[in-house]
Amino acid sequence: MTFAAVGHGTLAAAAPQGFLSPTGVEIAFVLVGLVTLGAAVVTVTTRQLVHAALWLVVALGGLAVEYLLLTAEFIAWVQVLIYVGSVVVLLLFGLMLTRAPIGRSPDADSGNRPVALAVALAAAAALVWVVVDAFRTQWIDLDKPQGTTDVTGSILFRHWVLPFEALSVLLLAALVGAIVLSRRNAARSESPGPPRAADSDKEQR
């Protein structure tokens, strides 16, 4: 009787947490997810481009925090370095260098909000259904170091060396192509065009 009680208590302690008794990490995950969702909604609904870029920083930063809460620190730092540190900065530089309007811009809204909302809801429903169906009865132990940088780097360079090198070659080809296209555009802009009619008349006189 005592062994049965002890065994039952051990199984109860080893059982995963349910939805009615969430842990602190799960509560933080939900709260950060709500903040990220709100920032994403503001990003696509605001008519000010600079505000959209800043709210995009909040949304992408929230995703990085979610990855950290899931102990996927490598993906979290990649999210910060590439998206928050590179893509958003590039977007802000593009807005400043092209002299885009800082205030409200009517061109920022195409008028297809119902279609965009329907597509967004359909995509969200499909993603939720796929995730729930794939991990319906599977519980992931967040205490194990599967998502750490050490484990991810070891797996990447042991089993995925060829795709990693192929990706580097692809990025190099994209960089070379961008340089070639920019040089062609610069050469076309610097080449003198045909003389205008007014200039030719002046030369004849």
N, C-alpha and C. Protein backbone atom coordinates (compact mmCIF):
# COMPACT_ATOMS: atom_id res chain seq x y z
N MET A 1 0.84 -1.20 0.00
CA MET A 1 0.00 0.00 0.00
C MET A 1 0.87 1.25 0.00
N THR A 2 1.92 1.20 0.81
CA THR A 2 2.83 2.35 0.88
C THR A 2 3.57 2.54 -0.43
N PHE A 3 4.06 1.40 -1.01
CA PHE A 3 4.76 1.49 -2.29
C PHE A 3 3.84 2.01 -3.40
N ALA A 4 2.56 1.58 -3.35
CA ALA A 4 1.60 2.05 -4.35
C ALA A 4 1.37 3.54 -4.22
N ALA A 5 1.26 4.01 -2.97
CA ALA A 5 1.05 5.44 -2.75
C ALA A 5 2.26 6.25 -3.20
N VAL A 6 3.45 5.73 -2.88
CA VAL A 6 4.67 6.42 -3.30
C VAL A 6 4.78 6.45 -4.82
N GLY A 7 4.47 5.30 -5.46
CA GLY A 7 4.52 5.25 -6.92
C GLY A 7 3.52 6.18 -7.56
N HIS A 8 2.32 6.25 -6.98
CA HIS A 8 1.31 7.16 -7.52
C HIS A 8 1.74 8.61 -7.37
N GLY A 9 2.34 8.93 -6.22
CA GLY A 9 2.82 10.30 -6.02
C GLY A 9 3.95 10.65 -6.97
N THR A 10 4.83 9.68 -7.25
CA THR A 10 5.92 9.94 -8.18
C THR A 10 5.41 10.18 -9.59
N LEU A 11 4.42 9.38 -10.02
CA LEU A 11 3.84 9.58 -11.34
C LEU A 11 3.12 10.91 -11.44
N ALA A 12 2.44 11.30 -10.36
CA ALA A 12 1.75 12.59 -10.37
C ALA A 12 2.73 13.74 -10.44
N ALA A 13 3.89 13.59 -9.74
CA ALA A 13 4.88 14.66 -9.79
C ALA A 13 5.55 14.74 -11.14
N ALA A 14 5.70 13.57 -11.80
CA ALA A 14 6.37 13.56 -13.10
C ALA A 14 5.45 13.94 -14.24
N ALA A 15 4.14 13.99 -13.98
CA ALA A 15 3.19 14.33 -15.03
C ALA A 15 3.37 15.78 -15.45
N PRO A 16 3.17 16.11 -16.70
CA PRO A 16 3.35 17.48 -17.16
C PRO A 16 2.27 18.40 -16.61
N GLN A 17 2.58 19.69 -16.61
CA GLN A 17 1.63 20.68 -16.15
C GLN A 17 0.46 20.76 -17.12
N GLY A 18 -0.72 20.98 -16.56
CA GLY A 18 -1.90 21.11 -17.40
C GLY A 18 -2.22 22.56 -17.68
N PHE A 19 -3.30 22.78 -18.45
CA PHE A 19 -3.68 24.13 -18.79
C PHE A 19 -4.27 24.87 -17.59
N LEU A 20 -4.79 24.13 -16.61
CA LEU A 20 -5.38 24.77 -15.44
C LEU A 20 -4.35 25.14 -14.39
N SER A 21 -3.13 24.67 -14.52
CA SER A 21 -2.07 25.02 -13.57
C SER A 21 -0.82 25.43 -14.35
N PRO A 22 -0.84 26.59 -15.01
CA PRO A 22 0.31 27.00 -15.82
C PRO A 22 1.48 27.42 -14.95
N THR A 23 2.66 27.26 -15.49
CA THR A 23 3.87 27.68 -14.80
C THR A 23 4.15 29.15 -15.11
N GLY A 24 5.17 29.68 -14.43
CA GLY A 24 5.55 31.07 -14.68
C GLY A 24 6.04 31.31 -16.08
N VAL A 25 6.76 30.32 -16.63
CA VAL A 25 7.26 30.45 -18.00
C VAL A 25 6.10 30.48 -18.99
N GLU A 26 5.08 29.65 -18.75
CA GLU A 26 3.93 29.62 -19.65
C GLU A 26 3.14 30.93 -19.59
N ILE A 27 3.00 31.49 -18.39
CA ILE A 27 2.31 32.78 -18.26
C ILE A 27 3.08 33.88 -18.98
N ALA A 28 4.41 33.89 -18.78
CA ALA A 28 5.23 34.89 -19.48
C ALA A 28 5.17 34.70 -20.99
N PHE A 29 5.12 33.46 -21.43
CA PHE A 29 5.03 33.17 -22.87
C PHE A 29 3.75 33.75 -23.45
N VAL A 30 2.63 33.57 -22.75
CA VAL A 30 1.35 34.07 -23.25
C VAL A 30 1.34 35.60 -23.25
N LEU A 31 1.87 36.22 -22.19
CA LEU A 31 1.87 37.68 -22.12
C LEU A 31 2.75 38.29 -23.22
N VAL A 32 3.93 37.73 -23.40
CA VAL A 32 4.81 38.23 -24.47
C VAL A 32 4.18 37.99 -25.84
N GLY A 33 3.48 36.87 -25.99
CA GLY A 33 2.80 36.61 -27.25
C GLY A 33 1.71 37.64 -27.54
N LEU A 34 0.96 38.04 -26.51
CA LEU A 34 -0.07 39.06 -26.70
C LEU A 34 0.54 40.41 -27.08
N VAL A 35 1.65 40.77 -26.42
CA VAL A 35 2.33 42.02 -26.78
C VAL A 35 2.84 41.97 -28.22
N THR A 36 3.42 40.83 -28.60
CA THR A 36 3.92 40.67 -29.96
C THR A 36 2.80 40.75 -30.98
N LEU A 37 1.67 40.11 -30.68
CA LEU A 37 0.53 40.16 -31.59
C LEU A 37 0.00 41.58 -31.73
N GLY A 38 -0.09 42.30 -30.61
CA GLY A 38 -0.55 43.69 -30.69
C GLY A 38 0.38 44.56 -31.50
N ALA A 39 1.70 44.39 -31.30
CA ALA A 39 2.67 45.17 -32.08
C ALA A 39 2.58 44.85 -33.57
N ALA A 40 2.36 43.57 -33.89
CA ALA A 40 2.23 43.19 -35.31
C ALA A 40 0.98 43.81 -35.93
N VAL A 41 -0.12 43.84 -35.17
CA VAL A 41 -1.36 44.44 -35.70
C VAL A 41 -1.17 45.93 -35.94
N VAL A 42 -0.51 46.62 -34.99
CA VAL A 42 -0.26 48.05 -35.18
C VAL A 42 0.67 48.29 -36.37
N THR A 43 1.62 47.39 -36.58
CA THR A 43 2.57 47.54 -37.69
C THR A 43 1.86 47.55 -39.04
N VAL A 44 0.88 46.69 -39.20
CA VAL A 44 0.20 46.59 -40.51
C VAL A 44 -1.01 47.50 -40.62
N THR A 45 -1.40 48.18 -39.54
CA THR A 45 -2.57 49.05 -39.60
C THR A 45 -2.23 50.53 -39.56
N THR A 46 -1.06 50.89 -39.07
CA THR A 46 -0.70 52.30 -39.01
C THR A 46 -0.39 52.85 -40.39
N ARG A 47 -0.63 54.14 -40.58
CA ARG A 47 -0.36 54.78 -41.86
C ARG A 47 0.93 55.59 -41.85
N GLN A 48 1.68 55.53 -40.78
CA GLN A 48 2.96 56.21 -40.69
C GLN A 48 4.07 55.17 -40.83
N LEU A 49 4.91 55.33 -41.83
CA LEU A 49 5.91 54.32 -42.14
C LEU A 49 6.94 54.18 -41.03
N VAL A 50 7.35 55.29 -40.43
CA VAL A 50 8.34 55.22 -39.36
C VAL A 50 7.76 54.50 -38.15
N HIS A 51 6.51 54.80 -37.81
CA HIS A 51 5.87 54.10 -36.70
C HIS A 51 5.74 52.61 -37.00
N ALA A 52 5.44 52.27 -38.25
CA ALA A 52 5.34 50.86 -38.62
C ALA A 52 6.68 50.16 -38.43
N ALA A 53 7.78 50.83 -38.81
CA ALA A 53 9.10 50.23 -38.64
C ALA A 53 9.44 50.04 -37.16
N LEU A 54 9.09 51.02 -36.33
CA LEU A 54 9.40 50.91 -34.90
C LEU A 54 8.55 49.82 -34.23
N TRP A 55 7.28 49.74 -34.61
CA TRP A 55 6.46 48.66 -34.06
C TRP A 55 6.90 47.30 -34.57
N LEU A 56 7.49 47.27 -35.76
CA LEU A 56 8.05 46.02 -36.26
C LEU A 56 9.22 45.56 -35.39
N VAL A 57 10.00 46.52 -34.87
CA VAL A 57 11.07 46.17 -33.93
C VAL A 57 10.50 45.50 -32.69
N VAL A 58 9.39 46.04 -32.17
CA VAL A 58 8.76 45.44 -30.99
C VAL A 58 8.26 44.03 -31.29
N ALA A 59 7.65 43.85 -32.46
CA ALA A 59 7.12 42.53 -32.82
C ALA A 59 8.25 41.50 -32.97
N LEU A 60 9.31 41.88 -33.67
CA LEU A 60 10.43 40.94 -33.86
C LEU A 60 11.17 40.70 -32.55
N GLY A 61 11.29 41.72 -31.71
CA GLY A 61 11.89 41.51 -30.40
C GLY A 61 11.06 40.59 -29.52
N GLY A 62 9.73 40.70 -29.62
CA GLY A 62 8.87 39.78 -28.89
C GLY A 62 9.05 38.35 -29.33
N LEU A 63 9.24 38.14 -30.63
CA LEU A 63 9.52 36.78 -31.12
C LEU A 63 10.84 36.26 -30.55
N ALA A 64 11.84 37.12 -30.45
CA ALA A 64 13.11 36.69 -29.87
C ALA A 64 12.95 36.28 -28.41
N VAL A 65 12.14 37.03 -27.67
CA VAL A 65 11.88 36.66 -26.26
C VAL A 65 11.14 35.33 -26.18
N GLU A 66 10.21 35.10 -27.10
CA GLU A 66 9.50 33.82 -27.12
C GLU A 66 10.47 32.66 -27.36
N TYR A 67 11.43 32.85 -28.26
CA TYR A 67 12.43 31.81 -28.50
C TYR A 67 13.28 31.57 -27.26
N LEU A 68 13.61 32.64 -26.54
CA LEU A 68 14.38 32.46 -25.31
C LEU A 68 13.59 31.69 -24.26
N LEU A 69 12.29 31.98 -24.16
CA LEU A 69 11.46 31.24 -23.21
C LEU A 69 11.34 29.78 -23.58
N LEU A 70 11.49 29.46 -24.86
CA LEU A 70 11.46 28.07 -25.31
C LEU A 70 12.84 27.43 -25.31
N THR A 71 13.82 28.12 -24.69
CA THR A 71 15.21 27.66 -24.58
C THR A 71 15.87 27.46 -25.94
N ALA A 72 15.41 28.19 -26.95
CA ALA A 72 16.04 28.16 -28.27
C ALA A 72 16.86 29.44 -28.40
N GLU A 73 17.95 29.51 -27.65
CA GLU A 73 18.71 30.75 -27.59
C GLU A 73 19.41 31.07 -28.90
N PHE A 74 19.80 30.06 -29.66
CA PHE A 74 20.45 30.31 -30.95
C PHE A 74 19.50 31.02 -31.91
N ILE A 75 18.27 30.51 -32.02
CA ILE A 75 17.27 31.14 -32.89
C ILE A 75 16.93 32.54 -32.39
N ALA A 76 16.93 32.72 -31.06
CA ALA A 76 16.62 34.04 -30.50
C ALA A 76 17.67 35.06 -30.90
N TRP A 77 18.95 34.69 -30.78
CA TRP A 77 20.00 35.65 -31.15
C TRP A 77 20.06 35.87 -32.65
N VAL A 78 19.75 34.85 -33.44
CA VAL A 78 19.65 35.05 -34.89
C VAL A 78 18.53 36.03 -35.22
N GLN A 79 17.41 35.90 -34.52
CA GLN A 79 16.30 36.82 -34.71
C GLN A 79 16.71 38.26 -34.41
N VAL A 80 17.46 38.44 -33.32
CA VAL A 80 17.87 39.79 -32.94
C VAL A 80 18.90 40.35 -33.92
N LEU A 81 19.91 39.55 -34.27
CA LEU A 81 21.00 40.05 -35.10
C LEU A 81 20.55 40.31 -36.53
N ILE A 82 19.76 39.40 -37.10
CA ILE A 82 19.40 39.53 -38.52
C ILE A 82 18.19 40.43 -38.71
N TYR A 83 17.11 40.15 -38.01
CA TYR A 83 15.88 40.88 -38.26
C TYR A 83 15.86 42.23 -37.55
N VAL A 84 16.07 42.23 -36.23
CA VAL A 84 16.02 43.49 -35.50
C VAL A 84 17.23 44.35 -35.82
N GLY A 85 18.42 43.74 -35.90
CA GLY A 85 19.63 44.53 -36.09
C GLY A 85 19.98 44.84 -37.51
N SER A 86 19.42 44.13 -38.48
CA SER A 86 19.80 44.35 -39.87
C SER A 86 18.62 44.78 -40.73
N VAL A 87 17.56 43.99 -40.73
CA VAL A 87 16.45 44.26 -41.63
C VAL A 87 15.74 45.57 -41.26
N VAL A 88 15.47 45.76 -39.98
CA VAL A 88 14.76 46.97 -39.57
C VAL A 88 15.64 48.20 -39.75
N VAL A 89 16.94 48.08 -39.43
CA VAL A 89 17.85 49.21 -39.65
C VAL A 89 17.94 49.55 -41.14
N LEU A 90 18.00 48.52 -41.98
CA LEU A 90 18.01 48.76 -43.43
C LEU A 90 16.72 49.43 -43.89
N LEU A 91 15.60 49.03 -43.30
CA LEU A 91 14.32 49.65 -43.65
C LEU A 91 14.30 51.12 -43.25
N LEU A 92 14.80 51.43 -42.05
CA LEU A 92 14.84 52.82 -41.60
C LEU A 92 15.77 53.66 -42.46
N PHE A 93 16.93 53.10 -42.82
CA PHE A 93 17.84 53.82 -43.71
C PHE A 93 17.19 54.05 -45.08
N GLY A 94 16.45 53.07 -45.58
CA GLY A 94 15.76 53.25 -46.84
C GLY A 94 14.72 54.35 -46.78
N LEU A 95 14.00 54.43 -45.65
CA LEU A 95 13.02 55.50 -45.50
C LEU A 95 13.68 56.87 -45.46
N MET A 96 14.84 56.95 -44.79
CA MET A 96 15.52 58.24 -44.68
C MET A 96 16.20 58.65 -45.99
N LEU A 97 16.82 57.70 -46.67
CA LEU A 97 17.56 58.04 -47.89
C LEU A 97 16.64 58.33 -49.06
N THR A 98 15.46 57.72 -49.09
CA THR A 98 14.52 57.98 -50.19
C THR A 98 13.61 59.16 -49.90
N ARG A 99 13.80 59.81 -48.77
CA ARG A 99 12.98 60.97 -48.38
C ARG A 99 11.51 60.62 -48.37
N ALA A 100 11.21 59.48 -47.78
CA ALA A 100 9.81 59.06 -47.68
C ALA A 100 9.08 59.97 -46.70
N PRO A 101 7.78 60.16 -46.86
CA PRO A 101 7.03 61.03 -45.95
C PRO A 101 7.04 60.47 -44.53
N ILE A 102 7.32 61.36 -43.57
CA ILE A 102 7.40 60.94 -42.18
C ILE A 102 6.02 60.82 -41.56
N GLY A 103 5.11 61.72 -41.94
CA GLY A 103 3.78 61.72 -41.35
C GLY A 103 2.87 60.66 -41.95
N ARG A 104 1.58 60.94 -41.86
CA ARG A 104 0.60 60.00 -42.41
C ARG A 104 0.70 59.96 -43.94
N SER A 105 0.67 58.78 -44.48
CA SER A 105 0.78 58.61 -45.92
C SER A 105 -0.44 57.85 -46.43
N PRO A 106 -1.24 58.45 -47.32
CA PRO A 106 -2.40 57.71 -47.85
C PRO A 106 -1.99 56.53 -48.72
N ASP A 107 -0.76 56.55 -49.23
CA ASP A 107 -0.31 55.43 -50.07
C ASP A 107 -0.01 54.18 -49.26
N ALA A 108 0.09 54.31 -47.92
CA ALA A 108 0.40 53.15 -47.10
C ALA A 108 -0.78 52.19 -46.96
N ASP A 109 -1.96 52.61 -47.37
CA ASP A 109 -3.16 51.78 -47.28
C ASP A 109 -3.69 51.55 -48.69
N SER A 110 -3.71 50.30 -49.11
CA SER A 110 -4.16 49.98 -50.46
C SER A 110 -5.68 49.86 -50.56
N GLY A 111 -6.37 49.84 -49.45
CA GLY A 111 -7.82 49.71 -49.47
C GLY A 111 -8.33 48.29 -49.52
N ASN A 112 -7.44 47.32 -49.45
CA ASN A 112 -7.85 45.90 -49.49
C ASN A 112 -7.77 45.26 -48.11
N ARG A 113 -8.18 46.00 -47.11
CA ARG A 113 -8.09 45.47 -45.74
C ARG A 113 -8.95 44.23 -45.52
N PRO A 114 -10.18 44.15 -46.05
CA PRO A 114 -10.95 42.91 -45.83
C PRO A 114 -10.28 41.68 -46.43
N VAL A 115 -9.71 41.82 -47.61
CA VAL A 115 -9.01 40.68 -48.23
C VAL A 115 -7.78 40.31 -47.42
N ALA A 116 -7.02 41.33 -46.99
CA ALA A 116 -5.82 41.06 -46.19
C ALA A 116 -6.18 40.41 -44.86
N LEU A 117 -7.27 40.87 -44.24
CA LEU A 117 -7.70 40.27 -42.98
C LEU A 117 -8.13 38.82 -43.17
N ALA A 118 -8.84 38.54 -44.26
CA ALA A 118 -9.25 37.16 -44.52
C ALA A 118 -8.05 36.25 -44.76
N VAL A 119 -7.08 36.73 -45.52
CA VAL A 119 -5.88 35.93 -45.77
C VAL A 119 -5.10 35.70 -44.49
N ALA A 120 -4.99 36.75 -43.65
CA ALA A 120 -4.26 36.61 -42.39
C ALA A 120 -4.93 35.61 -41.45
N LEU A 121 -6.26 35.69 -41.34
CA LEU A 121 -6.98 34.75 -40.48
C LEU A 121 -6.87 33.32 -41.00
N ALA A 122 -6.95 33.15 -42.31
CA ALA A 122 -6.81 31.81 -42.88
C ALA A 122 -5.42 31.24 -42.64
N ALA A 123 -4.39 32.07 -42.82
CA ALA A 123 -3.02 31.60 -42.57
C ALA A 123 -2.80 31.28 -41.10
N ALA A 124 -3.33 32.12 -40.21
CA ALA A 124 -3.19 31.86 -38.78
C ALA A 124 -3.91 30.58 -38.38
N ALA A 125 -5.12 30.37 -38.90
CA ALA A 125 -5.85 29.15 -38.59
C ALA A 125 -5.13 27.91 -39.09
N ALA A 126 -4.55 28.00 -40.29
CA ALA A 126 -3.81 26.85 -40.84
C ALA A 126 -2.57 26.54 -40.00
N LEU A 127 -1.84 27.58 -39.58
CA LEU A 127 -0.65 27.36 -38.76
C LEU A 127 -1.01 26.77 -37.41
N VAL A 128 -2.06 27.30 -36.78
CA VAL A 128 -2.47 26.77 -35.47
C VAL A 128 -2.91 25.32 -35.60
N TRP A 129 -3.65 25.01 -36.64
CA TRP A 129 -4.11 23.63 -36.83
C TRP A 129 -2.94 22.69 -37.06
N VAL A 130 -1.96 23.11 -37.85
CA VAL A 130 -0.80 22.25 -38.12
C VAL A 130 0.00 22.01 -36.84
N VAL A 131 0.23 23.06 -36.05
CA VAL A 131 1.03 22.91 -34.83
C VAL A 131 0.30 22.05 -33.81
N VAL A 132 -1.00 22.29 -33.62
CA VAL A 132 -1.76 21.51 -32.65
C VAL A 132 -1.85 20.06 -33.08
N ASP A 133 -2.05 19.81 -34.36
CA ASP A 133 -2.14 18.44 -34.85
C ASP A 133 -0.80 17.71 -34.75
N ALA A 134 0.30 18.42 -34.93
CA ALA A 134 1.61 17.78 -34.88
C ALA A 134 2.08 17.51 -33.45
N PHE A 135 1.73 18.39 -32.52
CA PHE A 135 2.21 18.26 -31.14
C PHE A 135 1.05 18.08 -30.17
N ARG A 136 0.05 17.33 -30.59
CA ARG A 136 -1.14 17.18 -29.75
C ARG A 136 -0.83 16.47 -28.43
N THR A 137 -0.09 15.39 -28.50
CA THR A 137 0.21 14.59 -27.30
C THR A 137 1.69 14.61 -26.95
N GLN A 138 2.44 15.51 -27.52
CA GLN A 138 3.89 15.55 -27.27
C GLN A 138 4.23 16.73 -26.38
N TRP A 139 4.93 16.44 -25.29
CA TRP A 139 5.39 17.46 -24.36
C TRP A 139 6.89 17.61 -24.50
N ILE A 140 7.34 18.83 -24.68
CA ILE A 140 8.76 19.11 -24.87
C ILE A 140 9.35 19.56 -23.54
N ASP A 141 10.41 18.89 -23.12
CA ASP A 141 11.09 19.25 -21.88
C ASP A 141 11.99 20.44 -22.14
N LEU A 142 11.66 21.59 -21.55
CA LEU A 142 12.44 22.80 -21.78
C LEU A 142 13.72 22.84 -20.97
N ASP A 143 13.91 21.89 -20.06
CA ASP A 143 15.13 21.87 -19.25
C ASP A 143 16.30 21.27 -20.00
N LYS A 144 16.03 20.50 -21.06
CA LYS A 144 17.11 19.88 -21.82
C LYS A 144 17.72 20.90 -22.78
N PRO A 145 19.03 20.80 -23.04
CA PRO A 145 19.72 21.84 -23.83
C PRO A 145 19.68 21.59 -25.33
N GLN A 146 18.53 21.22 -25.89
CA GLN A 146 18.49 20.98 -27.34
C GLN A 146 18.63 22.27 -28.14
N GLY A 147 18.13 23.37 -27.63
CA GLY A 147 18.14 24.60 -28.40
C GLY A 147 19.28 25.53 -28.10
N THR A 148 20.26 25.10 -27.33
CA THR A 148 21.38 25.97 -27.00
C THR A 148 22.30 26.15 -28.20
N THR A 149 23.13 27.17 -28.11
CA THR A 149 24.05 27.45 -29.21
C THR A 149 25.06 26.34 -29.41
N ASP A 150 25.52 25.74 -28.31
CA ASP A 150 26.50 24.66 -28.40
C ASP A 150 25.95 23.47 -29.17
N VAL A 151 24.76 23.02 -28.79
CA VAL A 151 24.16 21.86 -29.44
C VAL A 151 23.79 22.17 -30.89
N THR A 152 23.23 23.36 -31.13
CA THR A 152 22.84 23.72 -32.49
C THR A 152 24.04 23.83 -33.41
N GLY A 153 25.13 24.45 -32.94
CA GLY A 153 26.33 24.55 -33.75
C GLY A 153 26.96 23.20 -34.03
N SER A 154 26.95 22.32 -33.02
CA SER A 154 27.51 20.99 -33.22
C SER A 154 26.72 20.21 -34.27
N ILE A 155 25.39 20.25 -34.20
CA ILE A 155 24.57 19.55 -35.19
C ILE A 155 24.72 20.17 -36.57
N LEU A 156 24.82 21.51 -36.61
CA LEU A 156 24.92 22.20 -37.90
C LEU A 156 26.20 21.83 -38.64
N PHE A 157 27.32 21.81 -37.94
CA PHE A 157 28.59 21.56 -38.61
C PHE A 157 28.95 20.08 -38.69
N ARG A 158 28.16 19.22 -38.08
CA ARG A 158 28.38 17.78 -38.22
C ARG A 158 27.50 17.15 -39.29
N HIS A 159 26.26 17.59 -39.37
CA HIS A 159 25.30 16.92 -40.24
C HIS A 159 24.79 17.81 -41.38
N TRP A 160 24.98 19.12 -41.30
CA TRP A 160 24.42 20.03 -42.30
C TRP A 160 25.48 20.96 -42.86
N VAL A 161 26.68 20.43 -43.10
CA VAL A 161 27.77 21.27 -43.60
C VAL A 161 27.51 21.70 -45.05
N LEU A 162 27.06 20.76 -45.89
CA LEU A 162 26.83 21.07 -47.31
C LEU A 162 25.74 22.12 -47.51
N PRO A 163 24.56 22.02 -46.88
CA PRO A 163 23.57 23.10 -47.03
C PRO A 163 24.07 24.43 -46.48
N PHE A 164 24.86 24.39 -45.40
CA PHE A 164 25.40 25.62 -44.84
C PHE A 164 26.33 26.32 -45.83
N GLU A 165 27.21 25.55 -46.47
CA GLU A 165 28.12 26.13 -47.46
C GLU A 165 27.36 26.57 -48.71
N ALA A 166 26.34 25.82 -49.11
CA ALA A 166 25.53 26.23 -50.27
C ALA A 166 24.82 27.55 -50.00
N LEU A 167 24.35 27.73 -48.77
CA LEU A 167 23.71 28.99 -48.42
C LEU A 167 24.69 30.15 -48.48
N SER A 168 25.92 29.93 -48.04
CA SER A 168 26.92 30.99 -48.11
C SER A 168 27.23 31.37 -49.56
N VAL A 169 27.30 30.37 -50.45
CA VAL A 169 27.52 30.66 -51.88
C VAL A 169 26.33 31.43 -52.46
N LEU A 170 25.12 31.07 -52.05
CA LEU A 170 23.93 31.77 -52.53
C LEU A 170 23.94 33.23 -52.10
N LEU A 171 24.30 33.48 -50.84
CA LEU A 171 24.37 34.86 -50.36
C LEU A 171 25.46 35.64 -51.09
N LEU A 172 26.59 34.99 -51.36
CA LEU A 172 27.66 35.65 -52.11
C LEU A 172 27.21 36.00 -53.53
N ALA A 173 26.47 35.09 -54.17
CA ALA A 173 25.96 35.37 -55.52
C ALA A 173 24.97 36.53 -55.50
N ALA A 174 24.12 36.60 -54.47
CA ALA A 174 23.19 37.72 -54.36
C ALA A 174 23.93 39.04 -54.16
N LEU A 175 25.00 39.02 -53.36
CA LEU A 175 25.79 40.23 -53.14
C LEU A 175 26.46 40.70 -54.43
N VAL A 176 27.06 39.76 -55.17
CA VAL A 176 27.70 40.11 -56.44
C VAL A 176 26.67 40.64 -57.45
N GLY A 177 25.50 40.01 -57.51
CA GLY A 177 24.46 40.49 -58.41
C GLY A 177 23.99 41.89 -58.07
N ALA A 178 23.85 42.19 -56.77
CA ALA A 178 23.45 43.54 -56.37
C ALA A 178 24.50 44.57 -56.77
N ILE A 179 25.79 44.22 -56.62
CA ILE A 179 26.85 45.16 -57.01
C ILE A 179 26.84 45.39 -58.52
N VAL A 180 26.66 44.33 -59.30
CA VAL A 180 26.65 44.47 -60.77
C VAL A 180 25.47 45.33 -61.22
N LEU A 181 24.29 45.09 -60.65
CA LEU A 181 23.12 45.87 -61.05
C LEU A 181 23.26 47.34 -60.65
N SER A 182 23.83 47.61 -59.48
CA SER A 182 24.02 49.00 -59.07
C SER A 182 25.03 49.71 -59.96
N ARG A 183 26.08 49.03 -60.40
CA ARG A 183 27.06 49.65 -61.29
C ARG A 183 26.45 49.93 -62.66
N ARG A 184 25.59 49.06 -63.16
CA ARG A 184 24.93 49.31 -64.44
C ARG A 184 24.02 50.52 -64.36
N ASN A 185 23.26 50.62 -63.27
CA ASN A 185 22.38 51.78 -63.11
C ASN A 185 23.17 53.07 -62.99
N ALA A 186 24.31 53.01 -62.29
CA ALA A 186 25.14 54.20 -62.16
C ALA A 186 25.73 54.61 -63.50
N ALA A 187 26.15 53.63 -64.31
CA ALA A 187 26.70 53.94 -65.63
C ALA A 187 25.64 54.55 -66.55
N ARG A 188 24.42 54.05 -66.48
CA ARG A 188 23.35 54.60 -67.31
C ARG A 188 23.01 56.02 -66.91
N SER A 189 23.02 56.30 -65.61
CA SER A 189 22.69 57.65 -65.17
C SER A 189 23.78 58.65 -65.51
N GLU A 190 25.05 58.20 -65.58
CA GLU A 190 26.15 59.11 -65.89
C GLU A 190 26.35 59.30 -67.39
N SER A 191 25.85 58.39 -68.23
CA SER A 191 26.04 58.51 -69.68
C SER A 191 25.22 59.67 -70.22
N PRO A 192 25.83 60.54 -71.08
CA PRO A 192 25.08 61.69 -71.62
C PRO A 192 24.01 61.23 -72.58
N GLY A 193 22.86 61.83 -72.48
CA GLY A 193 21.75 61.49 -73.34
C GLY A 193 21.82 62.24 -74.66
N PRO A 194 20.88 62.03 -75.55
CA PRO A 194 20.86 62.74 -76.84
C PRO A 194 20.60 64.22 -76.63
N PRO A 195 21.20 65.07 -77.45
CA PRO A 195 21.00 66.52 -77.29
C PRO A 195 19.55 66.90 -77.53
N ARG A 196 19.11 67.82 -76.72
CA ARG A 196 17.73 68.27 -76.86
C ARG A 196 17.59 69.19 -78.07
N ALA A 197 16.36 69.40 -78.49
CA ALA A 197 16.10 70.22 -79.69
C ALA A 197 16.52 71.66 -79.48
N ALA A 198 16.30 72.20 -78.28
CA ALA A 198 16.67 73.58 -78.01
C ALA A 198 18.17 73.77 -78.08
N ASP A 199 18.92 72.81 -77.53
CA ASP A 199 20.38 72.90 -77.57
C ASP A 199 20.90 72.81 -78.99
N SER A 200 20.33 71.94 -79.82
CA SER A 200 20.78 71.81 -81.21
C SER A 200 20.49 73.08 -82.01
N ASP A 201 19.37 73.75 -81.73
CA ASP A 201 19.06 74.99 -82.42
C ASP A 201 20.04 76.08 -82.06
N LYS A 202 20.44 76.11 -80.76
CA LYS A 202 21.42 77.12 -80.35
C LYS A 202 22.76 76.89 -81.02
N GLU A 203 23.16 75.61 -81.16
CA GLU A 203 24.44 75.33 -81.80
C GLU A 203 24.42 75.71 -83.28
N GLN A 204 23.28 75.49 -83.96
CA GLN A 204 23.19 75.84 -85.37
C GLN A 204 23.24 77.35 -85.58
N ARG A 205 22.65 78.11 -84.64
CA ARG A 205 22.68 79.56 -84.76
C ARG A 205 24.08 80.12 -84.47
